Amino acid sequence: MKGFASLAESLNELIKNLEIEKPLKQGQALDLWYEVVGEKVAKKSKPIKIEHGKLFVRVTSPSWRNELQFYKHQIIHDLNERLGEQIVKEIVFM
């Protein structure tokens, strides 16, 4: 078991040295979208990309865009809480 722990430590150090920690967290934010918003909202929305702290999400209709505006701050909070740091600063619904 000790070998596995040192492998994990080595991978974490490599990620930090390559400075890819933030892009990896951004990718995780896209993956977590479906888990955070739930099945109903996930069927009506799709995270597209994240750039400079802005998460771009495509929605199926203007009414869903308006609805999700009300929950935007809670979604940002929940995503960042699961990521362990503030990766998502804004959500743009398109």
PDB file of N, CA and C in Angstrom:
ATOM      1  N   MET A   1       0.815  -1.206   0.000  1.00  0.00           N
ATOM      2  CA  MET A   1       0.000   0.000   0.000  1.00  0.00           C
ATOM      3  C   MET A   1       0.857   1.268   0.000  1.00  0.00           C
ATOM      4  N   LYS A   2       2.016   1.191   0.578  1.00  0.00           N
ATOM      5  CA  LYS A   2       2.865   2.364   0.644  1.00  0.00           C
ATOM      6  C   LYS A   2       3.234   2.857  -0.755  1.00  0.00           C
ATOM      7  N   GLY A   3       3.430   1.948  -1.702  1.00  0.00           N
ATOM      8  CA  GLY A   3       3.752   2.330  -3.066  1.00  0.00           C
ATOM      9  C   GLY A   3       2.653   3.155  -3.710  1.00  0.00           C
ATOM     10  N   PHE A   4       1.395   2.847  -3.399  1.00  0.00           N
ATOM     11  CA  PHE A   4       0.285   3.613  -3.962  1.00  0.00           C
ATOM     12  C   PHE A   4       0.267   5.032  -3.419  1.00  0.00           C
ATOM     13  N   ALA A   5       0.533   5.190  -2.150  1.00  0.00           N
ATOM     14  CA  ALA A   5       0.540   6.528  -1.565  1.00  0.00           C
ATOM     15  C   ALA A   5       1.641   7.364  -2.199  1.00  0.00           C
ATOM     16  N   SER A   6       2.801   6.796  -2.394  1.00  0.00           N
ATOM     17  CA  SER A   6       3.885   7.566  -2.987  1.00  0.00           C
ATOM     18  C   SER A   6       3.596   7.871  -4.460  1.00  0.00           C
ATOM     19  N   LEU A   7       2.894   6.992  -5.144  1.00  0.00           N
ATOM     20  CA  LEU A   7       2.503   7.257  -6.523  1.00  0.00           C
ATOM     21  C   LEU A   7       1.549   8.448  -6.581  1.00  0.00           C
ATOM     22  N   ALA A   8       0.578   8.491  -5.678  1.00  0.00           N
ATOM     23  CA  ALA A   8      -0.365   9.609  -5.626  1.00  0.00           C
ATOM     24  C   ALA A   8       0.371  10.911  -5.328  1.00  0.00           C
ATOM     25  N   GLU A   9       1.291  10.863  -4.398  1.00  0.00           N
ATOM     26  CA  GLU A   9       2.079  12.053  -4.078  1.00  0.00           C
ATOM     27  C   GLU A   9       2.896  12.504  -5.280  1.00  0.00           C
ATOM     28  N   SER A  10       3.484  11.543  -5.991  1.00  0.00           N
ATOM     29  CA  SER A  10       4.276  11.866  -7.181  1.00  0.00           C
ATOM     30  C   SER A  10       3.420  12.504  -8.261  1.00  0.00           C
ATOM     31  N   LEU A  11       2.225  11.981  -8.468  1.00  0.00           N
ATOM     32  CA  LEU A  11       1.319  12.543  -9.470  1.00  0.00           C
ATOM     33  C   LEU A  11       0.889  13.963  -9.092  1.00  0.00           C
ATOM     34  N   ASN A  12       0.590  14.173  -7.815  1.00  0.00           N
ATOM     35  CA  ASN A  12       0.210  15.515  -7.373  1.00  0.00           C
ATOM     36  C   ASN A  12       1.344  16.508  -7.575  1.00  0.00           C
ATOM     37  N   GLU A  13       2.562  16.084  -7.280  1.00  0.00           N
ATOM     38  CA  GLU A  13       3.710  16.964  -7.472  1.00  0.00           C
ATOM     39  C   GLU A  13       3.941  17.246  -8.954  1.00  0.00           C
ATOM     40  N   LEU A  14       3.788  16.236  -9.801  1.00  0.00           N
ATOM     41  CA  LEU A  14       3.938  16.414 -11.240  1.00  0.00           C
ATOM     42  C   LEU A  14       2.911  17.410 -11.779  1.00  0.00           C
ATOM     43  N   ILE A  15       1.672  17.287 -11.327  1.00  0.00           N
ATOM     44  CA  ILE A  15       0.602  18.195 -11.757  1.00  0.00           C
ATOM     45  C   ILE A  15       0.948  19.630 -11.376  1.00  0.00           C
ATOM     46  N   LYS A  16       1.450  19.814 -10.158  1.00  0.00           N
ATOM     47  CA  LYS A  16       1.832  21.165  -9.724  1.00  0.00           C
ATOM     48  C   LYS A  16       3.017  21.687 -10.530  1.00  0.00           C
ATOM     49  N   ASN A  17       4.005  20.842 -10.777  1.00  0.00           N
ATOM     50  CA  ASN A  17       5.188  21.260 -11.528  1.00  0.00           C
ATOM     51  C   ASN A  17       4.859  21.614 -12.970  1.00  0.00           C
ATOM     52  N   LEU A  18       3.937  20.906 -13.564  1.00  0.00           N
ATOM     53  CA  LEU A  18       3.541  21.173 -14.946  1.00  0.00           C
ATOM     54  C   LEU A  18       2.541  22.336 -15.041  1.00  0.00           C
ATOM     55  N   GLU A  19       2.106  22.826 -13.890  1.00  0.00           N
ATOM     56  CA  GLU A  19       1.142  23.929 -13.817  1.00  0.00           C
ATOM     57  C   GLU A  19      -0.149  23.632 -14.580  1.00  0.00           C
ATOM     58  N   ILE A  20      -0.629  22.411 -14.393  1.00  0.00           N
ATOM     59  CA  ILE A  20      -1.884  22.016 -15.038  1.00  0.00           C
ATOM     60  C   ILE A  20      -2.992  21.778 -14.019  1.00  0.00           C
ATOM     61  N   GLU A  21      -2.750  22.170 -12.789  1.00  0.00           N
ATOM     62  CA  GLU A  21      -3.742  21.964 -11.738  1.00  0.00           C
ATOM     63  C   GLU A  21      -5.040  22.718 -12.035  1.00  0.00           C
ATOM     64  N   LYS A  22      -4.927  23.989 -12.434  1.00  0.00           N
ATOM     65  CA  LYS A  22      -6.130  24.790 -12.709  1.00  0.00           C
ATOM     66  C   LYS A  22      -6.907  24.249 -13.913  1.00  0.00           C
ATOM     67  N   PRO A  23      -6.244  23.948 -15.053  1.00  0.00           N
ATOM     68  CA  PRO A  23      -7.008  23.363 -16.166  1.00  0.00           C
ATOM     69  C   PRO A  23      -7.689  22.042 -15.802  1.00  0.00           C
ATOM     70  N   LEU A  24      -7.065  21.249 -14.956  1.00  0.00           N
ATOM     71  CA  LEU A  24      -7.693  19.999 -14.522  1.00  0.00           C
ATOM     72  C   LEU A  24      -8.934  20.288 -13.684  1.00  0.00           C
ATOM     73  N   LYS A  25      -8.850  21.267 -12.808  1.00  0.00           N
ATOM     74  CA  LYS A  25     -10.001  21.653 -11.977  1.00  0.00           C
ATOM     75  C   LYS A  25     -11.123  22.215 -12.858  1.00  0.00           C
ATOM     76  N   GLN A  26     -10.763  22.946 -13.896  1.00  0.00           N
ATOM     77  CA  GLN A  26     -11.780  23.486 -14.802  1.00  0.00           C
ATOM     78  C   GLN A  26     -12.506  22.346 -15.510  1.00  0.00           C
ATOM     79  N   GLY A  27     -11.764  21.338 -15.915  1.00  0.00           N
ATOM     80  CA  GLY A  27     -12.389  20.165 -16.532  1.00  0.00           C
ATOM     81  C   GLY A  27     -13.309  19.449 -15.563  1.00  0.00           C
ATOM     82  N   GLN A  28     -12.899  19.391 -14.310  1.00  0.00           N
ATOM     83  CA  GLN A  28     -13.746  18.781 -13.282  1.00  0.00           C
ATOM     84  C   GLN A  28     -15.042  19.563 -13.115  1.00  0.00           C
ATOM     85  N   ALA A  29     -14.964  20.884 -13.207  1.00  0.00           N
ATOM     86  CA  ALA A  29     -16.164  21.716 -13.066  1.00  0.00           C
ATOM     87  C   ALA A  29     -17.182  21.352 -14.138  1.00  0.00           C
ATOM     88  N   LEU A  30     -16.713  21.126 -15.360  1.00  0.00           N
ATOM     89  CA  LEU A  30     -17.621  20.724 -16.440  1.00  0.00           C
ATOM     90  C   LEU A  30     -18.263  19.378 -16.127  1.00  0.00           C
ATOM     91  N   ASP A  31     -17.452  18.456 -15.621  1.00  0.00           N
ATOM     92  CA  ASP A  31     -17.969  17.126 -15.283  1.00  0.00           C
ATOM     93  C   ASP A  31     -18.955  17.163 -14.118  1.00  0.00           C
ATOM     94  N   LEU A  32     -18.721  18.052 -13.168  1.00  0.00           N
ATOM     95  CA  LEU A  32     -19.573  18.137 -11.983  1.00  0.00           C
ATOM     96  C   LEU A  32     -20.919  18.808 -12.254  1.00  0.00           C
ATOM     97  N   TRP A  33     -21.045  19.503 -13.364  1.00  0.00           N
ATOM     98  CA  TRP A  33     -22.274  20.228 -13.676  1.00  0.00           C
ATOM     99  C   TRP A  33     -23.508  19.351 -13.479  1.00  0.00           C
ATOM    100  N   TYR A  34     -23.500  18.176 -14.087  1.00  0.00           N
ATOM    101  CA  TYR A  34     -24.667  17.296 -14.067  1.00  0.00           C
ATOM    102  C   TYR A  34     -24.998  16.840 -12.654  1.00  0.00           C
ATOM    103  N   GLU A  35     -23.969  16.590 -11.874  1.00  0.00           N
ATOM    104  CA  GLU A  35     -24.153  16.163 -10.493  1.00  0.00           C
ATOM    105  C   GLU A  35     -24.718  17.301  -9.636  1.00  0.00           C
ATOM    106  N   VAL A  36     -24.222  18.501  -9.845  1.00  0.00           N
ATOM    107  CA  VAL A  36     -24.620  19.651  -9.033  1.00  0.00           C
ATOM    108  C   VAL A  36     -26.037  20.119  -9.362  1.00  0.00           C
ATOM    109  N   VAL A  37     -26.393  20.186 -10.629  1.00  0.00           N
ATOM    110  CA  VAL A  37     -27.707  20.743 -11.000  1.00  0.00           C
ATOM    111  C   VAL A  37     -28.829  19.711 -10.984  1.00  0.00           C
ATOM    112  N   GLY A  38     -28.491  18.451 -11.020  1.00  0.00           N
ATOM    113  CA  GLY A  38     -29.514  17.414 -11.006  1.00  0.00           C
ATOM    114  C   GLY A  38     -29.989  17.029 -12.395  1.00  0.00           C
ATOM    115  N   GLU A  39     -30.703  15.927 -12.450  1.00  0.00           N
ATOM    116  CA  GLU A  39     -31.113  15.321 -13.725  1.00  0.00           C
ATOM    117  C   GLU A  39     -32.030  16.215 -14.555  1.00  0.00           C
ATOM    118  N   LYS A  40     -33.000  16.847 -13.911  1.00  0.00           N
ATOM    119  CA  LYS A  40     -33.982  17.667 -14.643  1.00  0.00           C
ATOM    120  C   LYS A  40     -33.298  18.830 -15.369  1.00  0.00           C
ATOM    121  N   VAL A  41     -32.458  19.566 -14.662  1.00  0.00           N
ATOM    122  CA  VAL A  41     -31.758  20.704 -15.256  1.00  0.00           C
ATOM    123  C   VAL A  41     -30.701  20.217 -16.245  1.00  0.00           C
ATOM    124  N   ALA A  42     -30.050  19.118 -15.928  1.00  0.00           N
ATOM    125  CA  ALA A  42     -29.010  18.575 -16.808  1.00  0.00           C
ATOM    126  C   ALA A  42     -29.570  18.213 -18.183  1.00  0.00           C
ATOM    127  N   LYS A  43     -30.822  17.801 -18.230  1.00  0.00           N
ATOM    128  CA  LYS A  43     -31.449  17.472 -19.510  1.00  0.00           C
ATOM    129  C   LYS A  43     -31.694  18.713 -20.372  1.00  0.00           C
ATOM    130  N   LYS A  44     -31.741  19.863 -19.734  1.00  0.00           N
ATOM    131  CA  LYS A  44     -32.048  21.112 -20.430  1.00  0.00           C
ATOM    132  C   LYS A  44     -30.831  22.016 -20.598  1.00  0.00           C
ATOM    133  N   SER A  45     -29.656  21.564 -20.165  1.00  0.00           N
ATOM    134  CA  SER A  45     -28.463  22.411 -20.210  1.00  0.00           C
ATOM    135  C   SER A  45     -27.213  21.573 -20.460  1.00  0.00           C
ATOM    136  N   LYS A  46     -26.190  22.237 -20.987  1.00  0.00           N
ATOM    137  CA  LYS A  46     -24.932  21.539 -21.256  1.00  0.00           C
ATOM    138  C   LYS A  46     -23.771  22.522 -21.059  1.00  0.00           C
ATOM    139  N   PRO A  47     -22.844  22.185 -20.158  1.00  0.00           N
ATOM    140  CA  PRO A  47     -21.673  23.048 -19.998  1.00  0.00           C
ATOM    141  C   PRO A  47     -20.776  22.919 -21.227  1.00  0.00           C
ATOM    142  N   ILE A  48     -20.346  24.037 -21.772  1.00  0.00           N
ATOM    143  CA  ILE A  48     -19.572  24.045 -23.008  1.00  0.00           C
ATOM    144  C   ILE A  48     -18.082  24.219 -22.740  1.00  0.00           C
ATOM    145  N   LYS A  49     -17.735  25.250 -21.967  1.00  0.00           N
ATOM    146  CA  LYS A  49     -16.326  25.535 -21.697  1.00  0.00           C
ATOM    147  C   LYS A  49     -16.226  26.441 -20.485  1.00  0.00           C
ATOM    148  N   ILE A  50     -15.009  26.557 -19.983  1.00  0.00           N
ATOM    149  CA  ILE A  50     -14.743  27.503 -18.907  1.00  0.00           C
ATOM    150  C   ILE A  50     -13.478  28.266 -19.263  1.00  0.00           C
ATOM    151  N   GLU A  51     -13.581  29.580 -19.229  1.00  0.00           N
ATOM    152  CA  GLU A  51     -12.456  30.457 -19.560  1.00  0.00           C
ATOM    153  C   GLU A  51     -12.399  31.592 -18.554  1.00  0.00           C
ATOM    154  N   HIS A  52     -11.241  31.788 -17.957  1.00  0.00           N
ATOM    155  CA  HIS A  52     -11.017  32.891 -17.020  1.00  0.00           C
ATOM    156  C   HIS A  52     -12.091  32.943 -15.937  1.00  0.00           C
ATOM    157  N   GLY A  53     -12.478  31.792 -15.444  1.00  0.00           N
ATOM    158  CA  GLY A  53     -13.464  31.729 -14.365  1.00  0.00           C
ATOM    159  C   GLY A  53     -14.908  31.806 -14.812  1.00  0.00           C
ATOM    160  N   LYS A  54     -15.152  31.956 -16.111  1.00  0.00           N
ATOM    161  CA  LYS A  54     -16.521  32.003 -16.641  1.00  0.00           C
ATOM    162  C   LYS A  54     -16.887  30.640 -17.224  1.00  0.00           C
ATOM    163  N   LEU A  55     -17.959  30.084 -16.710  1.00  0.00           N
ATOM    164  CA  LEU A  55     -18.486  28.823 -17.207  1.00  0.00           C
ATOM    165  C   LEU A  55     -19.601  29.139 -18.192  1.00  0.00           C
ATOM    166  N   PHE A  56     -19.452  28.660 -19.420  1.00  0.00           N
ATOM    167  CA  PHE A  56     -20.448  28.886 -20.470  1.00  0.00           C
ATOM    168  C   PHE A  56     -21.329  27.644 -20.579  1.00  0.00           C
ATOM    169  N   VAL A  57     -22.637  27.863 -20.459  1.00  0.00           N
ATOM    170  CA  VAL A  57     -23.594  26.759 -20.449  1.00  0.00           C
ATOM    171  C   VAL A  57     -24.662  27.014 -21.501  1.00  0.00           C
ATOM    172  N   ARG A  58     -24.858  26.060 -22.378  1.00  0.00           N
ATOM    173  CA  ARG A  58     -25.916  26.159 -23.391  1.00  0.00           C
ATOM    174  C   ARG A  58     -27.211  25.594 -22.790  1.00  0.00           C
ATOM    175  N   VAL A  59     -28.300  26.314 -22.972  1.00  0.00           N
ATOM    176  CA  VAL A  59     -29.604  25.866 -22.479  1.00  0.00           C
ATOM    177  C   VAL A  59     -30.556  25.698 -23.659  1.00  0.00           C
ATOM    178  N   THR A  60     -31.612  24.934 -23.437  1.00  0.00           N
ATOM    179  CA  THR A  60     -32.505  24.564 -24.535  1.00  0.00           C
ATOM    180  C   THR A  60     -33.488  25.659 -24.923  1.00  0.00           C
ATOM    181  N   SER A  61     -33.718  26.629 -24.026  1.00  0.00           N
ATOM    182  CA  SER A  61     -34.703  27.664 -24.354  1.00  0.00           C
ATOM    183  C   SER A  61     -34.463  28.915 -23.504  1.00  0.00           C
ATOM    184  N   PRO A  62     -35.003  30.045 -23.963  1.00  0.00           N
ATOM    185  CA  PRO A  62     -34.891  31.277 -23.171  1.00  0.00           C
ATOM    186  C   PRO A  62     -35.536  31.156 -21.788  1.00  0.00           C
ATOM    187  N   SER A  63     -36.602  30.393 -21.694  1.00  0.00           N
ATOM    188  CA  SER A  63     -37.249  30.239 -20.383  1.00  0.00           C
ATOM    189  C   SER A  63     -36.341  29.505 -19.396  1.00  0.00           C
ATOM    190  N   TRP A  64     -35.597  28.518 -19.874  1.00  0.00           N
ATOM    191  CA  TRP A  64     -34.632  27.829 -19.001  1.00  0.00           C
ATOM    192  C   TRP A  64     -33.483  28.761 -18.638  1.00  0.00           C
ATOM    193  N   ARG A  65     -33.067  29.587 -19.566  1.00  0.00           N
ATOM    194  CA  ARG A  65     -32.007  30.559 -19.277  1.00  0.00           C
ATOM    195  C   ARG A  65     -32.446  31.482 -18.141  1.00  0.00           C
ATOM    196  N   ASN A  66     -33.678  31.976 -18.230  1.00  0.00           N
ATOM    197  CA  ASN A  66     -34.211  32.844 -17.172  1.00  0.00           C
ATOM    198  C   ASN A  66     -34.325  32.109 -15.844  1.00  0.00           C
ATOM    199  N   GLU A  67     -34.803  30.902 -15.887  1.00  0.00           N
ATOM    200  CA  GLU A  67     -34.959  30.097 -14.661  1.00  0.00           C
ATOM    201  C   GLU A  67     -33.612  29.872 -13.980  1.00  0.00           C
ATOM    202  N   LEU A  68     -32.613  29.525 -14.763  1.00  0.00           N
ATOM    203  CA  LEU A  68     -31.299  29.228 -14.183  1.00  0.00           C
ATOM    204  C   LEU A  68     -30.602  30.472 -13.640  1.00  0.00           C
ATOM    205  N   GLN A  69     -30.966  31.642 -14.123  1.00  0.00           N
ATOM    206  CA  GLN A  69     -30.400  32.878 -13.584  1.00  0.00           C
ATOM    207  C   GLN A  69     -30.675  32.996 -12.079  1.00  0.00           C
ATOM    208  N   PHE A  70     -31.839  32.533 -11.648  1.00  0.00           N
ATOM    209  CA  PHE A  70     -32.204  32.603 -10.231  1.00  0.00           C
ATOM    210  C   PHE A  70     -31.310  31.713  -9.364  1.00  0.00           C
ATOM    211  N   TYR A  71     -30.785  30.650  -9.936  1.00  0.00           N
ATOM    212  CA  TYR A  71     -29.996  29.679  -9.179  1.00  0.00           C
ATOM    213  C   TYR A  71     -28.497  29.801  -9.426  1.00  0.00           C
ATOM    214  N   LYS A  72     -28.106  30.775 -10.214  1.00  0.00           N
ATOM    215  CA  LYS A  72     -26.712  30.903 -10.639  1.00  0.00           C
ATOM    216  C   LYS A  72     -25.736  30.957  -9.458  1.00  0.00           C
ATOM    217  N   HIS A  73     -26.008  31.779  -8.478  1.00  0.00           N
ATOM    218  CA  HIS A  73     -25.071  31.931  -7.355  1.00  0.00           C
ATOM    219  C   HIS A  73     -24.962  30.644  -6.538  1.00  0.00           C
ATOM    220  N   GLN A  74     -26.078  29.945  -6.376  1.00  0.00           N
ATOM    221  CA  GLN A  74     -26.048  28.681  -5.642  1.00  0.00           C
ATOM    222  C   GLN A  74     -25.271  27.615  -6.420  1.00  0.00           C
ATOM    223  N   ILE A  75     -25.440  27.580  -7.726  1.00  0.00           N
ATOM    224  CA  ILE A  75     -24.709  26.617  -8.558  1.00  0.00           C
ATOM    225  C   ILE A  75     -23.212  26.898  -8.484  1.00  0.00           C
ATOM    226  N   ILE A  76     -22.825  28.175  -8.576  1.00  0.00           N
ATOM    227  CA  ILE A  76     -21.409  28.546  -8.475  1.00  0.00           C
ATOM    228  C   ILE A  76     -20.855  28.088  -7.135  1.00  0.00           C
ATOM    229  N   HIS A  77     -21.588  28.366  -6.071  1.00  0.00           N
ATOM    230  CA  HIS A  77     -21.156  27.960  -4.732  1.00  0.00           C
ATOM    231  C   HIS A  77     -20.974  26.447  -4.644  1.00  0.00           C
ATOM    232  N   ASP A  78     -21.962  25.697  -5.122  1.00  0.00           N
ATOM    233  CA  ASP A  78     -21.908  24.233  -5.033  1.00  0.00           C
ATOM    234  C   ASP A  78     -20.764  23.652  -5.865  1.00  0.00           C
ATOM    235  N   LEU A  79     -20.545  24.191  -7.050  1.00  0.00           N
ATOM    236  CA  LEU A  79     -19.436  23.721  -7.886  1.00  0.00           C
ATOM    237  C   LEU A  79     -18.098  23.968  -7.191  1.00  0.00           C
ATOM    238  N   ASN A  80     -17.895  25.175  -6.711  1.00  0.00           N
ATOM    239  CA  ASN A  80     -16.629  25.522  -6.070  1.00  0.00           C
ATOM    240  C   ASN A  80     -16.406  24.741  -4.776  1.00  0.00           C
ATOM    241  N   GLU A  81     -17.479  24.481  -4.056  1.00  0.00           N
ATOM    242  CA  GLU A  81     -17.361  23.695  -2.829  1.00  0.00           C
ATOM    243  C   GLU A  81     -16.865  22.290  -3.140  1.00  0.00           C
ATOM    244  N   ARG A  82     -17.392  21.693  -4.178  1.00  0.00           N
ATOM    245  CA  ARG A  82     -16.957  20.341  -4.572  1.00  0.00           C
ATOM    246  C   ARG A  82     -15.541  20.337  -5.130  1.00  0.00           C
ATOM    247  N   LEU A  83     -15.149  21.434  -5.758  1.00  0.00           N
ATOM    248  CA  LEU A  83     -13.803  21.541  -6.323  1.00  0.00           C
ATOM    249  C   LEU A  83     -12.758  21.887  -5.261  1.00  0.00           C
ATOM    250  N   GLY A  84     -13.206  22.420  -4.143  1.00  0.00           N
ATOM    251  CA  GLY A  84     -12.289  22.755  -3.064  1.00  0.00           C
ATOM    252  C   GLY A  84     -11.598  24.095  -3.224  1.00  0.00           C
ATOM    253  N   GLU A  85     -11.980  24.854  -4.220  1.00  0.00           N
ATOM    254  CA  GLU A  85     -11.449  26.204  -4.418  1.00  0.00           C
ATOM    255  C   GLU A  85     -12.334  26.945  -5.404  1.00  0.00           C
ATOM    256  N   GLN A  86     -12.118  28.260  -5.501  1.00  0.00           N
ATOM    257  CA  GLN A  86     -12.962  29.077  -6.367  1.00  0.00           C
ATOM    258  C   GLN A  86     -12.444  29.024  -7.808  1.00  0.00           C
ATOM    259  N   ILE A  87     -12.993  28.120  -8.571  1.00  0.00           N
ATOM    260  CA  ILE A  87     -12.652  27.958  -9.988  1.00  0.00           C
ATOM    261  C   ILE A  87     -13.674  28.690 -10.848  1.00  0.00           C
ATOM    262  N   VAL A  88     -14.951  28.546 -10.514  1.00  0.00           N
ATOM    263  CA  VAL A  88     -16.035  29.177 -11.272  1.00  0.00           C
ATOM    264  C   VAL A  88     -16.415  30.479 -10.578  1.00  0.00           C
ATOM    265  N   LYS A  89     -16.274  31.579 -11.298  1.00  0.00           N
ATOM    266  CA  LYS A  89     -16.606  32.892 -10.749  1.00  0.00           C
ATOM    267  C   LYS A  89     -17.891  33.450 -11.339  1.00  0.00           C
ATOM    268  N   GLU A  90     -18.250  32.967 -12.520  1.00  0.00           N
ATOM    269  CA  GLU A  90     -19.435  33.462 -13.221  1.00  0.00           C
ATOM    270  C   GLU A  90     -19.965  32.344 -14.109  1.00  0.00           C
ATOM    271  N   ILE A  91     -21.267  32.368 -14.356  1.00  0.00           N
ATOM    272  CA  ILE A  91     -21.882  31.439 -15.314  1.00  0.00           C
ATOM    273  C   ILE A  91     -22.607  32.273 -16.361  1.00  0.00           C
ATOM    274  N   VAL A  92     -22.351  31.949 -17.621  1.00  0.00           N
ATOM    275  CA  VAL A  92     -23.015  32.607 -18.733  1.00  0.00           C
ATOM    276  C   VAL A  92     -23.910  31.567 -19.400  1.00  0.00           C
ATOM    277  N   PHE A  93     -25.221  31.820 -19.336  1.00  0.00           N
ATOM    278  CA  PHE A  93     -26.175  30.919 -19.981  1.00  0.00           C
ATOM    279  C   PHE A  93     -26.440  31.405 -21.396  1.00  0.00           C
ATOM    280  N   MET A  94     -26.330  30.497 -22.357  1.00  0.00           N
ATOM    281  CA  MET A  94     -26.449  30.868 -23.761  1.00  0.00           C
ATOM    282  C   MET A  94     -27.605  30.094 -24.389  1.00  0.00           C
TER     283      MET A  94
END
